[in-house]
Amino acid sequence: CSFCGKSQKLDGVEIVAGPSVYICFECVDLCKDIINERKAESGGKDHPDG
């Protein structure tokens, strides 16, 4: 994973690949939590930082 450094070689680590970047499902879940928190803080609107 390009974000946390986990290897796909570890048991149970699922990785999604993009052009020169990889992200594991744990980091995807963490990103979803961060996005949801920001939406809640901004009253459900998209965060201006993208």
N, C-alpha and C. Protein backbone atom coordinates (compact mmCIF):
# COMPACT_ATOMS: atom_id res chain seq x y z
N CYS A 1 0.85 -1.17 0.00
CA CYS A 1 0.00 0.00 0.00
C CYS A 1 0.90 1.24 0.00
N SER A 2 0.60 2.15 -0.89
CA SER A 2 1.40 3.38 -0.98
C SER A 2 1.19 4.30 0.21
N PHE A 3 0.14 4.06 0.99
CA PHE A 3 -0.19 4.94 2.11
C PHE A 3 0.35 4.42 3.44
N CYS A 4 0.16 3.11 3.72
CA CYS A 4 0.59 2.58 5.01
C CYS A 4 1.79 1.65 4.91
N GLY A 5 2.15 1.25 3.70
CA GLY A 5 3.33 0.42 3.51
C GLY A 5 3.11 -1.08 3.61
N LYS A 6 1.86 -1.51 3.83
CA LYS A 6 1.59 -2.95 3.92
C LYS A 6 1.84 -3.60 2.57
N SER A 7 2.27 -4.86 2.63
CA SER A 7 2.58 -5.60 1.42
C SER A 7 1.44 -6.54 1.07
N GLN A 8 1.19 -6.71 -0.21
CA GLN A 8 0.16 -7.64 -0.66
C GLN A 8 0.56 -9.07 -0.31
N LYS A 9 1.83 -9.28 -0.03
CA LYS A 9 2.32 -10.61 0.31
C LYS A 9 1.81 -11.06 1.67
N LEU A 10 1.40 -10.11 2.52
CA LEU A 10 0.86 -10.47 3.83
C LEU A 10 -0.50 -11.11 3.65
N ASP A 11 -0.81 -12.10 4.47
CA ASP A 11 -2.10 -12.77 4.39
C ASP A 11 -3.23 -11.80 4.69
N GLY A 12 -4.25 -11.83 3.85
CA GLY A 12 -5.45 -11.04 4.10
C GLY A 12 -5.40 -9.60 3.67
N VAL A 13 -4.29 -9.15 3.09
CA VAL A 13 -4.20 -7.76 2.65
C VAL A 13 -4.64 -7.69 1.19
N GLU A 14 -5.75 -6.98 0.96
CA GLU A 14 -6.23 -6.81 -0.40
C GLU A 14 -5.83 -5.42 -0.88
N ILE A 15 -5.28 -5.36 -2.07
CA ILE A 15 -4.73 -4.13 -2.61
C ILE A 15 -5.46 -3.76 -3.91
N VAL A 16 -5.79 -2.48 -4.05
CA VAL A 16 -6.33 -1.94 -5.30
C VAL A 16 -5.20 -1.17 -5.96
N ALA A 17 -4.97 -1.44 -7.23
CA ALA A 17 -3.86 -0.81 -7.95
C ALA A 17 -4.37 0.25 -8.92
N GLY A 18 -3.60 1.33 -8.99
CA GLY A 18 -3.82 2.38 -9.98
C GLY A 18 -2.49 2.66 -10.64
N PRO A 19 -2.44 3.67 -11.50
CA PRO A 19 -1.16 3.99 -12.15
C PRO A 19 -0.11 4.42 -11.12
N SER A 20 0.83 3.57 -10.84
CA SER A 20 1.95 3.84 -9.93
C SER A 20 1.53 4.06 -8.48
N VAL A 21 0.34 3.64 -8.09
CA VAL A 21 -0.11 3.80 -6.71
C VAL A 21 -0.97 2.60 -6.31
N TYR A 22 -0.90 2.24 -5.04
CA TYR A 22 -1.65 1.11 -4.52
C TYR A 22 -2.27 1.51 -3.19
N ILE A 23 -3.48 0.99 -2.90
CA ILE A 23 -4.11 1.29 -1.62
C ILE A 23 -4.80 0.03 -1.10
N CYS A 24 -4.60 -0.26 0.18
CA CYS A 24 -5.23 -1.43 0.78
C CYS A 24 -6.63 -1.06 1.27
N PHE A 25 -7.44 -2.07 1.51
CA PHE A 25 -8.82 -1.84 1.93
C PHE A 25 -8.90 -1.12 3.27
N GLU A 26 -7.92 -1.35 4.16
CA GLU A 26 -7.93 -0.64 5.45
C GLU A 26 -7.76 0.86 5.24
N CYS A 27 -6.88 1.25 4.33
CA CYS A 27 -6.68 2.68 4.06
C CYS A 27 -7.89 3.26 3.33
N VAL A 28 -8.54 2.48 2.47
CA VAL A 28 -9.77 2.93 1.82
C VAL A 28 -10.82 3.24 2.89
N ASP A 29 -10.97 2.32 3.86
CA ASP A 29 -11.94 2.55 4.95
C ASP A 29 -11.59 3.79 5.76
N LEU A 30 -10.31 3.98 6.05
CA LEU A 30 -9.88 5.16 6.79
C LEU A 30 -10.19 6.44 6.00
N CYS A 31 -9.95 6.42 4.70
CA CYS A 31 -10.26 7.59 3.86
C CYS A 31 -11.75 7.87 3.85
N LYS A 32 -12.56 6.82 3.78
CA LYS A 32 -14.02 7.00 3.82
C LYS A 32 -14.45 7.65 5.12
N ASP A 33 -13.85 7.21 6.24
CA ASP A 33 -14.18 7.80 7.54
C ASP A 33 -13.81 9.29 7.58
N ILE A 34 -12.64 9.63 7.06
CA ILE A 34 -12.20 11.02 7.04
C ILE A 34 -13.15 11.87 6.19
N ILE A 35 -13.52 11.36 5.02
CA ILE A 35 -14.44 12.09 4.14
C ILE A 35 -15.79 12.29 4.81
N ASN A 36 -16.31 11.25 5.45
CA ASN A 36 -17.60 11.36 6.14
C ASN A 36 -17.54 12.36 7.29
N GLU A 37 -16.43 12.38 8.03
CA GLU A 37 -16.26 13.35 9.13
C GLU A 37 -16.26 14.78 8.58
N ARG A 38 -15.55 14.99 7.49
CA ARG A 38 -15.48 16.33 6.89
C ARG A 38 -16.84 16.77 6.38
N LYS A 39 -17.58 15.84 5.78
CA LYS A 39 -18.93 16.17 5.30
C LYS A 39 -19.83 16.54 6.47
N ALA A 40 -19.73 15.80 7.57
CA ALA A 40 -20.55 16.09 8.75
C ALA A 40 -20.20 17.46 9.32
N GLU A 41 -18.91 17.79 9.34
CA GLU A 41 -18.47 19.09 9.87
C GLU A 41 -18.93 20.25 8.99
N SER A 42 -19.07 19.99 7.69
CA SER A 42 -19.46 21.06 6.77
C SER A 42 -20.95 21.03 6.45
N GLY A 43 -21.72 20.31 7.24
CA GLY A 43 -23.16 20.25 7.04
C GLY A 43 -23.57 19.40 5.86
N GLY A 44 -22.76 18.41 5.51
CA GLY A 44 -23.09 17.50 4.43
C GLY A 44 -22.63 17.95 3.06
N LYS A 45 -22.05 19.14 2.98
CA LYS A 45 -21.56 19.63 1.69
C LYS A 45 -20.18 19.06 1.42
N ASP A 46 -19.83 18.99 0.14
CA ASP A 46 -18.50 18.54 -0.23
C ASP A 46 -17.46 19.49 0.35
N HIS A 47 -16.34 18.93 0.79
CA HIS A 47 -15.27 19.72 1.38
C HIS A 47 -14.60 20.55 0.29
N PRO A 48 -14.34 21.82 0.53
CA PRO A 48 -13.76 22.69 -0.50
C PRO A 48 -12.37 22.27 -0.96
N ASP A 49 -11.67 21.47 -0.15
CA ASP A 49 -10.33 21.03 -0.54
C ASP A 49 -10.37 19.86 -1.51
N GLY A 50 -11.54 19.38 -1.84
CA GLY A 50 -11.66 18.28 -2.79
C GLY A 50 -11.82 17.03 -2.07
